[in-house]
Amino acid sequence: MPELSQDTERGRALPPFGLAEVTGPSMVPTLHHGDRLLLRYGVPVRPGQIVVLRHPFQQDLLVVKRAVERREGGWWVLGDNPYAGGDSTDYGVVPEELILGRAWLRYRPPAGRRSPLAVVRWAFSAARPLFSDRSAARRFRAR
């Protein structure tokens, strides 16, 4: 995931939008390794939304998780893949000030040479908005 610039850290306001790249399997099936995210910084977070936050113990590391519920002291965040770990089950509640923004759109870049049929399929699935109530992860967790 890209790091914020030093100038931003010195007190200048965050830009309203940003881009990030997903690495690792913690958000599968909603997000996959290599997906790109369009982020909106400084917006209120609601349960079910995908957020980008600073890791509570390694603040130079940015992570993408789902905000599950607000608790005393911050947000409880989980990955959509329960076997990947690296979420609030490991480090507890995330303070509000460590949540940088929310993901609005997922974009999946094309992968190398493809057949014409594969290009058409990619074109229909490459970009999609991220809704908190339409996630496949919510359907899987409800079972």
N, C-alpha and C. Protein backbone atom coordinates (compact mmCIF):
# COMPACT_ATOMS: atom_id res chain seq x y z
N MET A 1 0.82 -1.16 0.00
CA MET A 1 0.00 0.00 0.00
C MET A 1 0.88 1.24 0.00
N PRO A 2 0.54 2.28 -0.77
CA PRO A 2 1.39 3.45 -0.82
C PRO A 2 1.36 4.21 0.49
N GLU A 3 2.47 4.82 0.81
CA GLU A 3 2.62 5.59 2.03
C GLU A 3 2.28 7.05 1.75
N LEU A 4 1.77 7.74 2.75
CA LEU A 4 1.50 9.16 2.60
C LEU A 4 2.81 9.93 2.61
N SER A 5 2.83 11.09 1.97
CA SER A 5 4.07 11.85 1.86
C SER A 5 4.45 12.49 3.18
N GLN A 6 5.72 12.87 3.29
CA GLN A 6 6.23 13.54 4.49
C GLN A 6 5.52 14.88 4.70
N ASP A 7 5.21 15.60 3.61
CA ASP A 7 4.53 16.89 3.75
C ASP A 7 3.17 16.73 4.40
N THR A 8 2.46 15.69 4.06
CA THR A 8 1.16 15.45 4.66
C THR A 8 1.32 15.19 6.15
N GLU A 9 2.36 14.47 6.51
CA GLU A 9 2.60 14.16 7.91
C GLU A 9 2.93 15.39 8.73
N ARG A 10 3.48 16.44 8.11
CA ARG A 10 3.88 17.64 8.84
C ARG A 10 2.73 18.59 9.13
N GLY A 11 1.53 18.20 8.78
CA GLY A 11 0.40 19.01 9.19
C GLY A 11 -0.43 19.56 8.05
N ARG A 12 0.00 19.42 6.82
CA ARG A 12 -0.87 19.86 5.74
C ARG A 12 -2.06 18.93 5.67
N ALA A 13 -3.15 19.46 5.18
CA ALA A 13 -4.37 18.65 5.11
C ALA A 13 -4.21 17.53 4.09
N LEU A 14 -4.85 16.42 4.37
CA LEU A 14 -4.87 15.31 3.42
C LEU A 14 -5.64 15.72 2.18
N PRO A 15 -5.25 15.25 1.02
CA PRO A 15 -6.09 15.51 -0.16
C PRO A 15 -7.41 14.77 0.02
N PRO A 16 -8.48 15.24 -0.64
CA PRO A 16 -9.78 14.59 -0.41
C PRO A 16 -9.85 13.18 -0.96
N PHE A 17 -9.06 12.86 -2.00
CA PHE A 17 -9.07 11.54 -2.61
C PHE A 17 -7.66 11.00 -2.72
N GLY A 18 -7.54 9.68 -2.77
CA GLY A 18 -6.24 9.05 -2.94
C GLY A 18 -6.41 7.68 -3.57
N LEU A 19 -5.29 7.06 -3.90
CA LEU A 19 -5.28 5.73 -4.49
C LEU A 19 -4.45 4.81 -3.61
N ALA A 20 -4.81 3.55 -3.57
CA ALA A 20 -4.07 2.55 -2.81
C ALA A 20 -4.12 1.23 -3.58
N GLU A 21 -3.13 0.39 -3.33
CA GLU A 21 -3.10 -0.94 -3.94
C GLU A 21 -3.24 -1.97 -2.84
N VAL A 22 -4.08 -2.96 -3.06
CA VAL A 22 -4.31 -4.02 -2.08
C VAL A 22 -3.20 -5.05 -2.23
N THR A 23 -2.60 -5.43 -1.10
CA THR A 23 -1.61 -6.51 -1.08
C THR A 23 -2.05 -7.53 -0.05
N GLY A 24 -1.96 -8.79 -0.40
CA GLY A 24 -2.30 -9.85 0.53
C GLY A 24 -3.74 -10.31 0.40
N PRO A 25 -4.08 -11.41 1.11
CA PRO A 25 -5.39 -12.05 0.96
C PRO A 25 -6.41 -11.70 2.04
N SER A 26 -6.16 -10.72 2.89
CA SER A 26 -7.04 -10.53 4.05
C SER A 26 -8.44 -10.06 3.70
N MET A 27 -8.67 -9.50 2.51
CA MET A 27 -9.99 -9.00 2.15
C MET A 27 -10.68 -9.84 1.08
N VAL A 28 -10.15 -11.02 0.76
CA VAL A 28 -10.79 -11.92 -0.19
C VAL A 28 -12.08 -12.42 0.45
N PRO A 29 -13.22 -12.47 -0.19
CA PRO A 29 -13.49 -12.40 -1.61
C PRO A 29 -13.83 -11.01 -2.14
N THR A 30 -13.93 -9.99 -1.27
CA THR A 30 -14.31 -8.66 -1.72
C THR A 30 -13.21 -7.99 -2.53
N LEU A 31 -11.98 -8.05 -2.01
CA LEU A 31 -10.82 -7.45 -2.68
C LEU A 31 -9.75 -8.51 -2.84
N HIS A 32 -9.00 -8.41 -3.92
CA HIS A 32 -7.94 -9.37 -4.20
C HIS A 32 -6.60 -8.66 -4.31
N HIS A 33 -5.53 -9.41 -4.13
CA HIS A 33 -4.18 -8.89 -4.27
C HIS A 33 -4.04 -8.22 -5.64
N GLY A 34 -3.57 -6.98 -5.65
CA GLY A 34 -3.39 -6.25 -6.90
C GLY A 34 -4.52 -5.30 -7.24
N ASP A 35 -5.67 -5.41 -6.56
CA ASP A 35 -6.76 -4.47 -6.80
C ASP A 35 -6.31 -3.07 -6.40
N ARG A 36 -6.83 -2.08 -7.09
CA ARG A 36 -6.58 -0.68 -6.76
C ARG A 36 -7.85 -0.11 -6.15
N LEU A 37 -7.68 0.80 -5.19
CA LEU A 37 -8.82 1.41 -4.51
C LEU A 37 -8.78 2.92 -4.66
N LEU A 38 -9.94 3.51 -4.90
CA LEU A 38 -10.10 4.95 -4.83
C LEU A 38 -10.58 5.26 -3.43
N LEU A 39 -9.84 6.10 -2.71
CA LEU A 39 -10.13 6.39 -1.31
C LEU A 39 -10.64 7.81 -1.16
N ARG A 40 -11.45 8.02 -0.17
CA ARG A 40 -11.88 9.36 0.23
C ARG A 40 -11.43 9.53 1.67
N TYR A 41 -10.57 10.53 1.89
CA TYR A 41 -10.01 10.78 3.22
C TYR A 41 -10.94 11.65 4.06
N GLY A 42 -10.93 11.42 5.36
CA GLY A 42 -11.61 12.27 6.31
C GLY A 42 -13.13 12.22 6.30
N VAL A 43 -13.72 11.17 5.74
CA VAL A 43 -15.18 11.06 5.75
C VAL A 43 -15.62 10.20 6.94
N PRO A 44 -16.82 10.42 7.44
CA PRO A 44 -17.30 9.59 8.54
C PRO A 44 -17.40 8.12 8.11
N VAL A 45 -17.10 7.24 9.04
CA VAL A 45 -17.13 5.80 8.78
C VAL A 45 -18.38 5.21 9.40
N ARG A 46 -19.00 4.30 8.66
CA ARG A 46 -20.17 3.58 9.16
C ARG A 46 -19.85 2.10 9.18
N PRO A 47 -20.52 1.33 10.02
CA PRO A 47 -20.27 -0.11 10.06
C PRO A 47 -20.50 -0.75 8.68
N GLY A 48 -19.61 -1.67 8.34
CA GLY A 48 -19.70 -2.38 7.07
C GLY A 48 -18.85 -1.79 5.97
N GLN A 49 -18.35 -0.58 6.14
CA GLN A 49 -17.56 0.05 5.09
C GLN A 49 -16.10 -0.42 5.14
N ILE A 50 -15.46 -0.39 3.97
CA ILE A 50 -14.05 -0.76 3.86
C ILE A 50 -13.23 0.50 4.10
N VAL A 51 -12.27 0.42 5.02
CA VAL A 51 -11.47 1.58 5.40
C VAL A 51 -9.99 1.29 5.25
N VAL A 52 -9.22 2.37 5.12
CA VAL A 52 -7.76 2.30 5.14
C VAL A 52 -7.32 2.94 6.44
N LEU A 53 -6.46 2.25 7.15
CA LEU A 53 -6.02 2.72 8.46
C LEU A 53 -4.55 2.46 8.67
N ARG A 54 -3.99 3.15 9.63
CA ARG A 54 -2.62 2.88 10.05
C ARG A 54 -2.66 1.72 11.04
N HIS A 55 -1.73 0.79 10.87
CA HIS A 55 -1.64 -0.34 11.81
C HIS A 55 -1.35 0.22 13.20
N PRO A 56 -2.06 -0.22 14.24
CA PRO A 56 -1.86 0.32 15.58
C PRO A 56 -0.44 0.16 16.14
N PHE A 57 0.28 -0.89 15.73
CA PHE A 57 1.62 -1.12 16.28
C PHE A 57 2.73 -0.74 15.31
N GLN A 58 2.45 -0.66 14.03
CA GLN A 58 3.42 -0.25 13.01
C GLN A 58 2.79 0.87 12.21
N GLN A 59 2.89 2.09 12.69
CA GLN A 59 2.14 3.19 12.11
C GLN A 59 2.60 3.59 10.72
N ASP A 60 3.73 3.07 10.26
CA ASP A 60 4.14 3.34 8.88
C ASP A 60 3.48 2.35 7.90
N LEU A 61 2.74 1.37 8.41
CA LEU A 61 2.07 0.37 7.60
C LEU A 61 0.59 0.70 7.47
N LEU A 62 0.10 0.77 6.22
CA LEU A 62 -1.32 1.01 5.99
C LEU A 62 -2.00 -0.31 5.70
N VAL A 63 -3.20 -0.49 6.23
CA VAL A 63 -3.96 -1.73 6.03
C VAL A 63 -5.38 -1.40 5.57
N VAL A 64 -5.97 -2.34 4.86
CA VAL A 64 -7.36 -2.23 4.39
C VAL A 64 -8.18 -3.27 5.14
N LYS A 65 -9.21 -2.82 5.81
CA LYS A 65 -10.09 -3.72 6.58
C LYS A 65 -11.52 -3.21 6.50
N ARG A 66 -12.43 -4.00 7.00
CA ARG A 66 -13.84 -3.62 7.08
C ARG A 66 -14.13 -3.14 8.51
N ALA A 67 -14.70 -1.95 8.62
CA ALA A 67 -15.12 -1.42 9.91
C ALA A 67 -16.40 -2.16 10.31
N VAL A 68 -16.33 -2.93 11.39
CA VAL A 68 -17.46 -3.76 11.77
C VAL A 68 -18.37 -3.04 12.75
N GLU A 69 -17.79 -2.49 13.81
CA GLU A 69 -18.62 -1.77 14.78
C GLU A 69 -17.78 -0.80 15.57
N ARG A 70 -18.47 0.25 16.03
CA ARG A 70 -17.81 1.24 16.88
C ARG A 70 -17.86 0.74 18.31
N ARG A 71 -16.72 0.77 18.95
CA ARG A 71 -16.63 0.38 20.35
C ARG A 71 -15.98 1.50 21.14
N GLU A 72 -15.95 1.33 22.44
CA GLU A 72 -15.28 2.33 23.27
C GLU A 72 -13.81 2.40 22.87
N GLY A 73 -13.37 3.56 22.47
CA GLY A 73 -11.98 3.74 22.09
C GLY A 73 -11.71 3.67 20.60
N GLY A 74 -12.71 3.38 19.77
CA GLY A 74 -12.47 3.35 18.34
C GLY A 74 -13.33 2.36 17.58
N TRP A 75 -12.73 1.77 16.54
CA TRP A 75 -13.44 0.85 15.65
C TRP A 75 -12.89 -0.56 15.74
N TRP A 76 -13.78 -1.52 15.69
CA TRP A 76 -13.41 -2.93 15.57
C TRP A 76 -13.38 -3.23 14.07
N VAL A 77 -12.21 -3.62 13.55
CA VAL A 77 -12.06 -3.86 12.12
C VAL A 77 -11.69 -5.32 11.88
N LEU A 78 -12.23 -5.89 10.80
CA LEU A 78 -11.94 -7.27 10.45
C LEU A 78 -11.67 -7.38 8.95
N GLY A 79 -10.85 -8.35 8.59
CA GLY A 79 -10.68 -8.70 7.19
C GLY A 79 -11.82 -9.61 6.77
N ASP A 80 -12.14 -9.60 5.49
CA ASP A 80 -13.23 -10.46 5.01
C ASP A 80 -12.82 -11.93 4.96
N ASN A 81 -11.53 -12.20 4.95
CA ASN A 81 -11.02 -13.57 4.96
C ASN A 81 -10.66 -13.93 6.40
N PRO A 82 -11.47 -14.76 7.07
CA PRO A 82 -11.22 -15.05 8.49
C PRO A 82 -9.94 -15.82 8.74
N TYR A 83 -9.34 -16.41 7.70
CA TYR A 83 -8.12 -17.20 7.89
C TYR A 83 -6.85 -16.38 7.72
N ALA A 84 -6.96 -15.13 7.28
CA ALA A 84 -5.76 -14.33 7.00
C ALA A 84 -5.24 -13.61 8.24
N GLY A 85 -6.09 -13.24 9.17
CA GLY A 85 -5.65 -12.55 10.38
C GLY A 85 -5.24 -11.11 10.10
N GLY A 86 -4.53 -10.51 11.06
CA GLY A 86 -4.07 -9.14 10.92
C GLY A 86 -5.16 -8.11 11.06
N ASP A 87 -6.09 -8.35 11.98
CA ASP A 87 -7.17 -7.40 12.19
C ASP A 87 -7.38 -7.18 13.68
N SER A 88 -8.54 -6.69 14.08
CA SER A 88 -8.78 -6.38 15.50
C SER A 88 -8.73 -7.60 16.40
N THR A 89 -8.87 -8.80 15.85
CA THR A 89 -8.73 -9.99 16.69
C THR A 89 -7.28 -10.13 17.15
N ASP A 90 -6.35 -9.51 16.43
CA ASP A 90 -4.93 -9.52 16.82
C ASP A 90 -4.53 -8.30 17.64
N TYR A 91 -5.03 -7.11 17.27
CA TYR A 91 -4.55 -5.88 17.93
C TYR A 91 -5.64 -5.06 18.60
N GLY A 92 -6.85 -5.55 18.66
CA GLY A 92 -7.90 -4.86 19.41
C GLY A 92 -8.53 -3.71 18.66
N VAL A 93 -9.16 -2.83 19.40
CA VAL A 93 -9.87 -1.69 18.84
C VAL A 93 -8.88 -0.71 18.23
N VAL A 94 -9.20 -0.18 17.06
CA VAL A 94 -8.35 0.80 16.38
C VAL A 94 -8.86 2.20 16.72
N PRO A 95 -8.00 3.05 17.28
CA PRO A 95 -8.43 4.42 17.59
C PRO A 95 -8.89 5.18 16.34
N GLU A 96 -9.88 6.03 16.51
CA GLU A 96 -10.46 6.79 15.40
C GLU A 96 -9.41 7.56 14.61
N GLU A 97 -8.39 8.10 15.27
CA GLU A 97 -7.39 8.92 14.57
C GLU A 97 -6.49 8.10 13.64
N LEU A 98 -6.49 6.77 13.77
CA LEU A 98 -5.70 5.93 12.87
C LEU A 98 -6.46 5.56 11.60
N ILE A 99 -7.75 5.83 11.54
CA ILE A 99 -8.53 5.55 10.33
C ILE A 99 -8.39 6.75 9.41
N LEU A 100 -7.78 6.50 8.24
CA LEU A 100 -7.48 7.59 7.32
C LEU A 100 -8.63 7.91 6.37
N GLY A 101 -9.31 6.89 5.89
CA GLY A 101 -10.38 7.15 4.93
C GLY A 101 -11.11 5.88 4.58
N ARG A 102 -12.03 6.04 3.65
CA ARG A 102 -12.87 4.90 3.25
C ARG A 102 -12.70 4.65 1.77
N ALA A 103 -12.77 3.37 1.39
CA ALA A 103 -12.66 2.97 -0.01
C ALA A 103 -14.01 3.14 -0.68
N TRP A 104 -14.02 3.78 -1.86
CA TRP A 104 -15.26 4.04 -2.59
C TRP A 104 -15.39 3.17 -3.82
N LEU A 105 -14.24 2.84 -4.44
CA LEU A 105 -14.29 2.14 -5.71
C LEU A 105 -13.12 1.18 -5.80
N ARG A 106 -13.39 -0.02 -6.33
CA ARG A 106 -12.34 -1.01 -6.58
C ARG A 106 -12.11 -1.09 -8.08
N TYR A 107 -10.84 -1.08 -8.47
CA TYR A 107 -10.47 -1.21 -9.88
C TYR A 107 -9.48 -2.36 -9.99
N ARG A 108 -9.77 -3.30 -10.86
CA ARG A 108 -8.88 -4.44 -11.08
C ARG A 108 -8.16 -4.24 -12.41
N PRO A 109 -6.82 -4.00 -12.39
CA PRO A 109 -6.09 -3.77 -13.64
C PRO A 109 -6.02 -5.05 -14.49
N PRO A 110 -5.88 -4.89 -15.81
CA PRO A 110 -5.78 -6.07 -16.68
C PRO A 110 -4.47 -6.82 -16.43
N ALA A 111 -4.51 -8.12 -16.63
CA ALA A 111 -3.32 -8.95 -16.38
C ALA A 111 -2.80 -9.52 -17.70
N GLY A 112 -1.76 -8.89 -18.26
CA GLY A 112 -1.08 -9.43 -19.43
C GLY A 112 -1.94 -9.64 -20.66
N ARG A 113 -1.48 -10.52 -21.53
CA ARG A 113 -2.21 -10.83 -22.76
C ARG A 113 -3.41 -11.70 -22.44
N ARG A 114 -4.51 -11.39 -23.11
CA ARG A 114 -5.74 -12.13 -22.86
C ARG A 114 -6.49 -12.36 -24.15
N SER A 115 -7.34 -13.34 -24.13
CA SER A 115 -8.20 -13.61 -25.28
C SER A 115 -9.26 -12.51 -25.38
N PRO A 116 -9.88 -12.35 -26.54
CA PRO A 116 -10.94 -11.33 -26.66
C PRO A 116 -12.08 -11.54 -25.67
N LEU A 117 -12.45 -12.78 -25.43
CA LEU A 117 -13.52 -13.05 -24.47
C LEU A 117 -13.11 -12.63 -23.06
N ALA A 118 -11.87 -12.91 -22.70
CA ALA A 118 -11.38 -12.52 -21.38
C ALA A 118 -11.34 -11.00 -21.23
N VAL A 119 -11.01 -10.29 -22.29
CA VAL A 119 -10.99 -8.82 -22.25
C VAL A 119 -12.40 -8.28 -22.02
N VAL A 120 -13.38 -8.88 -22.67
CA VAL A 120 -14.77 -8.44 -22.49
C VAL A 120 -15.21 -8.70 -21.05
N ARG A 121 -14.90 -9.88 -20.53
CA ARG A 121 -15.26 -10.19 -19.14
C ARG A 121 -14.60 -9.22 -18.17
N TRP A 122 -13.30 -8.93 -18.42
CA TRP A 122 -12.57 -7.98 -17.56
C TRP A 122 -13.23 -6.61 -17.61
N ALA A 123 -13.62 -6.16 -18.82
CA ALA A 123 -14.21 -4.83 -18.96
C ALA A 123 -15.48 -4.68 -18.13
N PHE A 124 -16.27 -5.75 -17.99
CA PHE A 124 -17.50 -5.67 -17.21
C PHE A 124 -17.27 -5.82 -15.71
N SER A 125 -16.09 -6.28 -15.30
CA SER A 125 -15.86 -6.48 -13.87
C SER A 125 -14.69 -5.69 -13.32
N ALA A 126 -14.02 -4.88 -14.13
CA ALA A 126 -12.80 -4.19 -13.70
C ALA A 126 -13.04 -3.16 -12.61
N ALA A 127 -14.11 -2.39 -12.72
CA ALA A 127 -14.38 -1.35 -11.72
C ALA A 127 -15.75 -1.57 -11.13
N ARG A 128 -15.81 -1.40 -9.80
CA ARG A 128 -17.12 -1.51 -9.16
C ARG A 128 -17.09 -0.74 -7.86
N PRO A 129 -18.19 -0.08 -7.52
CA PRO A 129 -18.26 0.63 -6.25
C PRO A 129 -18.30 -0.36 -5.09
N LEU A 130 -17.84 0.08 -3.95
CA LEU A 130 -17.83 -0.77 -2.76
C LEU A 130 -18.94 -0.31 -1.82
N PHE A 131 -19.99 -1.10 -1.71
CA PHE A 131 -21.11 -0.80 -0.84
C PHE A 131 -21.00 -1.66 0.41
N SER A 132 -21.36 -1.08 1.53
CA SER A 132 -21.28 -1.84 2.78
C SER A 132 -22.36 -2.92 2.87
N ASP A 133 -23.49 -2.74 2.21
CA ASP A 133 -24.57 -3.72 2.35
C ASP A 133 -24.61 -4.74 1.22
N ARG A 134 -23.76 -4.62 0.19
CA ARG A 134 -23.79 -5.56 -0.92
C ARG A 134 -22.57 -6.46 -0.95
N SER A 135 -21.82 -6.49 0.07
CA SER A 135 -20.58 -7.25 0.08
C SER A 135 -20.84 -8.76 0.14
N ALA A 136 -20.06 -9.49 -0.61
CA ALA A 136 -20.13 -10.95 -0.55
C ALA A 136 -19.73 -11.44 0.84
N ALA A 137 -18.82 -10.71 1.47
CA ALA A 137 -18.34 -11.13 2.78
C ALA A 137 -19.48 -11.14 3.80
N ARG A 138 -20.39 -10.17 3.73
CA ARG A 138 -21.50 -10.15 4.67
C ARG A 138 -22.38 -11.37 4.48
N ARG A 139 -22.59 -11.76 3.23
CA ARG A 139 -23.42 -12.95 2.97
C ARG A 139 -22.76 -14.19 3.50
N PHE A 140 -21.43 -14.29 3.33
CA PHE A 140 -20.73 -15.48 3.81
C PHE A 140 -20.70 -15.55 5.33
N ARG A 141 -20.54 -14.40 5.98
CA ARG A 141 -20.45 -14.38 7.44
C ARG A 141 -21.79 -14.68 8.10
N ALA A 142 -22.88 -14.39 7.42
CA ALA A 142 -24.20 -14.58 8.01
C ALA A 142 -24.53 -16.07 8.19
N ARG A 143 -23.82 -16.92 7.52
CA ARG A 143 -24.12 -18.35 7.61
C ARG A 143 -23.57 -18.98 8.84
